[in-house]
């Protein structure tokens, strides 16, 4: 009996000594709502509706990303940009910014041509990256 208890204690200590990754990160349900945004060129803006935006040089901003769960702090970065329908992915990626909650900022006055752009992001926290 005594030998069994000592054996059990040794097994418990061996299992408890494993390195455990801190935190967690779940991105399976990640999405933007709405999942697209139309950004006009500055010359195409309505001078009445967009007057305040032009006056303040306010950037275009998306809603924060939703459906990501994990241990803070989470770091968002732009991984890849692809362009279709006449767009230029390299220029668009240079002008695009992402902030702490996963929102995109795109400048009011931009150089990227009209087109459709698909942006892939990377979410990273301590021990995980997706």
C-alpha atoms as a PDB file:
ATOM      1  CA  UNK A   1       0.000   0.000   0.000  1.00  0.00           C
ATOM      2  CA  UNK A   2       2.761   2.391   0.964  1.00  0.00           C
ATOM      3  CA  UNK A   3       4.552   1.714  -2.317  1.00  0.00           C
ATOM      4  CA  UNK A   4       1.375   2.513  -4.267  1.00  0.00           C
ATOM      5  CA  UNK A   5       1.004   5.879  -2.519  1.00  0.00           C
ATOM      6  CA  UNK A   6       4.643   6.800  -3.226  1.00  0.00           C
ATOM      7  CA  UNK A   7       4.187   5.748  -6.854  1.00  0.00           C
ATOM      8  CA  UNK A   8       1.013   7.872  -7.126  1.00  0.00           C
ATOM      9  CA  UNK A   9       2.766  10.919  -5.652  1.00  0.00           C
ATOM     10  CA  UNK A  10       5.645  10.551  -8.136  1.00  0.00           C
ATOM     11  CA  UNK A  11       3.217  10.339 -11.062  1.00  0.00           C
ATOM     12  CA  UNK A  12       1.352  13.461  -9.873  1.00  0.00           C
ATOM     13  CA  UNK A  13       4.629  15.422  -9.597  1.00  0.00           C
ATOM     14  CA  UNK A  14       5.720  14.331 -13.076  1.00  0.00           C
ATOM     15  CA  UNK A  15       2.419  15.404 -14.628  1.00  0.00           C
ATOM     16  CA  UNK A  16       2.416  18.710 -12.735  1.00  0.00           C
ATOM     17  CA  UNK A  17       5.891  19.599 -14.025  1.00  0.00           C
ATOM     18  CA  UNK A  18       4.825  19.956 -17.684  1.00  0.00           C
ATOM     19  CA  UNK A  19       5.234  23.387 -19.252  1.00  0.00           C
ATOM     20  CA  UNK A  20       1.796  24.830 -19.880  1.00  0.00           C
ATOM     21  CA  UNK A  21       1.313  27.578 -22.439  1.00  0.00           C
ATOM     22  CA  UNK A  22      -0.115  30.692 -20.840  1.00  0.00           C
ATOM     23  CA  UNK A  23      -3.585  31.795 -21.966  1.00  0.00           C
ATOM     24  CA  UNK A  24      -5.561  30.847 -25.069  1.00  0.00           C
ATOM     25  CA  UNK A  25      -6.610  32.238 -28.456  1.00  0.00           C
ATOM     26  CA  UNK A  26      -9.738  31.278 -30.396  1.00  0.00           C
ATOM     27  CA  UNK A  27     -10.314  32.827 -33.832  1.00  0.00           C
ATOM     28  CA  UNK A  28     -12.742  30.410 -35.515  1.00  0.00           C
ATOM     29  CA  UNK A  29     -15.647  32.884 -35.218  1.00  0.00           C
ATOM     30  CA  UNK A  30     -13.681  35.999 -36.204  1.00  0.00           C
ATOM     31  CA  UNK A  31     -15.550  38.371 -38.500  1.00  0.00           C
ATOM     32  CA  UNK A  32     -16.184  41.987 -39.343  1.00  0.00           C
ATOM     33  CA  UNK A  33     -19.789  43.167 -39.439  1.00  0.00           C
ATOM     34  CA  UNK A  34     -20.293  44.505 -42.054  1.00  0.00           C
ATOM     35  CA  UNK A  35     -17.637  42.522 -43.888  1.00  0.00           C
ATOM     36  CA  UNK A  36     -16.980  45.146 -46.574  1.00  0.00           C
ATOM     37  CA  UNK A  37     -16.468  48.886 -46.799  1.00  0.00           C
ATOM     38  CA  UNK A  38     -16.672  51.257 -49.738  1.00  0.00           C
ATOM     39  CA  UNK A  39     -14.102  54.053 -49.661  1.00  0.00           C
ATOM     40  CA  UNK A  40     -14.533  56.758 -52.306  1.00  0.00           C
ATOM     41  CA  UNK A  41     -11.762  58.955 -53.677  1.00  0.00           C
ATOM     42  CA  UNK A  42     -11.702  62.424 -52.122  1.00  0.00           C
ATOM     43  CA  UNK A  43     -12.956  64.074 -55.324  1.00  0.00           C
ATOM     44  CA  UNK A  44     -16.042  61.814 -55.238  1.00  0.00           C
ATOM     45  CA  UNK A  45     -17.154  62.880 -51.730  1.00  0.00           C
ATOM     46  CA  UNK A  46     -20.387  64.793 -51.233  1.00  0.00           C
ATOM     47  CA  UNK A  47     -19.419  68.315 -50.125  1.00  0.00           C
ATOM     48  CA  UNK A  48     -22.410  68.585 -47.766  1.00  0.00           C
ATOM     49  CA  UNK A  49     -22.567  65.073 -46.272  1.00  0.00           C
ATOM     50  CA  UNK A  50     -18.790  64.689 -45.933  1.00  0.00           C
ATOM     51  CA  UNK A  51     -17.924  68.314 -45.086  1.00  0.00           C
ATOM     52  CA  UNK A  52     -16.939  67.548 -41.487  1.00  0.00           C
ATOM     53  CA  UNK A  53     -14.841  64.537 -42.515  1.00  0.00           C
ATOM     54  CA  UNK A  54     -12.936  66.642 -45.062  1.00  0.00           C
ATOM     55  CA  UNK A  55     -12.508  69.548 -42.620  1.00  0.00           C
ATOM     56  CA  UNK A  56     -10.995  67.250 -39.956  1.00  0.00           C
ATOM     57  CA  UNK A  57      -9.164  65.000 -42.449  1.00  0.00           C
ATOM     58  CA  UNK A  58     -10.854  62.079 -40.645  1.00  0.00           C
ATOM     59  CA  UNK A  59      -9.823  58.590 -41.793  1.00  0.00           C
ATOM     60  CA  UNK A  60     -12.204  55.829 -42.801  1.00  0.00           C
ATOM     61  CA  UNK A  61     -12.622  53.387 -39.894  1.00  0.00           C
ATOM     62  CA  UNK A  62     -14.134  49.902 -39.668  1.00  0.00           C
ATOM     63  CA  UNK A  63     -15.924  48.390 -36.729  1.00  0.00           C
ATOM     64  CA  UNK A  64     -13.712  46.333 -34.376  1.00  0.00           C
ATOM     65  CA  UNK A  65     -13.292  42.675 -35.235  1.00  0.00           C
ATOM     66  CA  UNK A  66     -15.749  40.385 -33.467  1.00  0.00           C
ATOM     67  CA  UNK A  67     -15.653  36.751 -32.394  1.00  0.00           C
ATOM     68  CA  UNK A  68     -12.061  36.576 -31.142  1.00  0.00           C
ATOM     69  CA  UNK A  69     -11.512  35.264 -27.650  1.00  0.00           C
ATOM     70  CA  UNK A  70      -8.215  35.036 -25.872  1.00  0.00           C
ATOM     71  CA  UNK A  71      -5.853  36.256 -23.243  1.00  0.00           C
ATOM     72  CA  UNK A  72      -4.967  39.937 -23.447  1.00  0.00           C
ATOM     73  CA  UNK A  73      -2.962  41.641 -24.726  1.00  0.00           C
ATOM     74  CA  UNK A  74      -3.814  40.668 -28.304  1.00  0.00           C
ATOM     75  CA  UNK A  75      -1.765  42.164 -31.119  1.00  0.00           C
ATOM     76  CA  UNK A  76      -3.300  42.609 -34.571  1.00  0.00           C
ATOM     77  CA  UNK A  77      -1.197  42.938 -37.714  1.00  0.00           C
ATOM     78  CA  UNK A  78      -1.884  43.030 -41.434  1.00  0.00           C
ATOM     79  CA  UNK A  79      -0.627  39.764 -42.907  1.00  0.00           C
ATOM     80  CA  UNK A  80      -1.564  39.989 -46.580  1.00  0.00           C
ATOM     81  CA  UNK A  81      -3.569  42.130 -48.987  1.00  0.00           C
ATOM     82  CA  UNK A  82      -4.860  40.902 -52.331  1.00  0.00           C
ATOM     83  CA  UNK A  83      -6.496  43.094 -54.949  1.00  0.00           C
ATOM     84  CA  UNK A  84      -8.976  42.460 -57.733  1.00  0.00           C
ATOM     85  CA  UNK A  85     -10.908  44.600 -60.176  1.00  0.00           C
ATOM     86  CA  UNK A  86      -8.113  47.110 -60.819  1.00  0.00           C
ATOM     87  CA  UNK A  87      -6.755  47.564 -57.311  1.00  0.00           C
ATOM     88  CA  UNK A  88      -3.100  47.854 -56.280  1.00  0.00           C
ATOM     89  CA  UNK A  89      -2.488  45.703 -53.188  1.00  0.00           C
ATOM     90  CA  UNK A  90       0.957  47.116 -52.414  1.00  0.00           C
ATOM     91  CA  UNK A  91      -0.203  50.751 -52.245  1.00  0.00           C
ATOM     92  CA  UNK A  92      -3.339  49.818 -50.301  1.00  0.00           C
ATOM     93  CA  UNK A  93      -1.321  47.814 -47.735  1.00  0.00           C
ATOM     94  CA  UNK A  94       1.110  50.700 -47.227  1.00  0.00           C
ATOM     95  CA  UNK A  95      -1.731  53.109 -46.456  1.00  0.00           C
ATOM     96  CA  UNK A  96      -3.850  50.758 -44.323  1.00  0.00           C
ATOM     97  CA  UNK A  97      -3.415  50.639 -40.520  1.00  0.00           C
ATOM     98  CA  UNK A  98      -4.868  48.307 -37.896  1.00  0.00           C
ATOM     99  CA  UNK A  99      -5.205  49.245 -34.225  1.00  0.00           C
ATOM    100  CA  UNK A 100      -5.537  47.397 -30.921  1.00  0.00           C
ATOM    101  CA  UNK A 101      -9.163  46.292 -31.227  1.00  0.00           C
ATOM    102  CA  UNK A 102      -8.792  45.076 -34.811  1.00  0.00           C
ATOM    103  CA  UNK A 103     -10.263  48.195 -36.458  1.00  0.00           C
ATOM    104  CA  UNK A 104      -8.816  49.301 -39.786  1.00  0.00           C
ATOM    105  CA  UNK A 105      -7.918  52.942 -40.427  1.00  0.00           C
ATOM    106  CA  UNK A 106      -7.594  54.159 -44.002  1.00  0.00           C
ATOM    107  CA  UNK A 107      -6.653  57.782 -44.767  1.00  0.00           C
ATOM    108  CA  UNK A 108      -9.155  60.185 -46.263  1.00  0.00           C
ATOM    109  CA  UNK A 109      -6.701  61.199 -48.982  1.00  0.00           C
ATOM    110  CA  UNK A 110      -5.250  57.998 -50.379  1.00  0.00           C
ATOM    111  CA  UNK A 111      -3.354  56.886 -53.465  1.00  0.00           C
ATOM    112  CA  UNK A 112      -4.659  53.342 -53.977  1.00  0.00           C
ATOM    113  CA  UNK A 113      -6.840  53.013 -57.079  1.00  0.00           C
ATOM    114  CA  UNK A 114     -10.416  51.797 -56.981  1.00  0.00           C
ATOM    115  CA  UNK A 115     -10.745  48.035 -56.695  1.00  0.00           C
ATOM    116  CA  UNK A 116     -11.696  45.240 -54.343  1.00  0.00           C
ATOM    117  CA  UNK A 117      -9.205  44.435 -51.612  1.00  0.00           C
ATOM    118  CA  UNK A 118      -9.154  41.413 -49.310  1.00  0.00           C
ATOM    119  CA  UNK A 119      -7.147  41.835 -46.127  1.00  0.00           C
ATOM    120  CA  UNK A 120      -5.812  38.954 -44.028  1.00  0.00           C
ATOM    121  CA  UNK A 121      -4.816  39.715 -40.465  1.00  0.00           C
ATOM    122  CA  UNK A 122      -2.765  37.931 -37.830  1.00  0.00           C
ATOM    123  CA  UNK A 123      -3.825  37.886 -34.185  1.00  0.00           C
ATOM    124  CA  UNK A 124      -1.088  37.165 -31.673  1.00  0.00           C
ATOM    125  CA  UNK A 125      -0.956  36.933 -27.909  1.00  0.00           C
ATOM    126  CA  UNK A 126       1.387  35.276 -25.436  1.00  0.00           C
ATOM    127  CA  UNK A 127       1.984  31.761 -26.752  1.00  0.00           C
ATOM    128  CA  UNK A 128      -0.432  31.819 -29.704  1.00  0.00           C
ATOM    129  CA  UNK A 129      -0.669  33.214 -33.220  1.00  0.00           C
ATOM    130  CA  UNK A 130      -3.449  32.704 -35.768  1.00  0.00           C
END
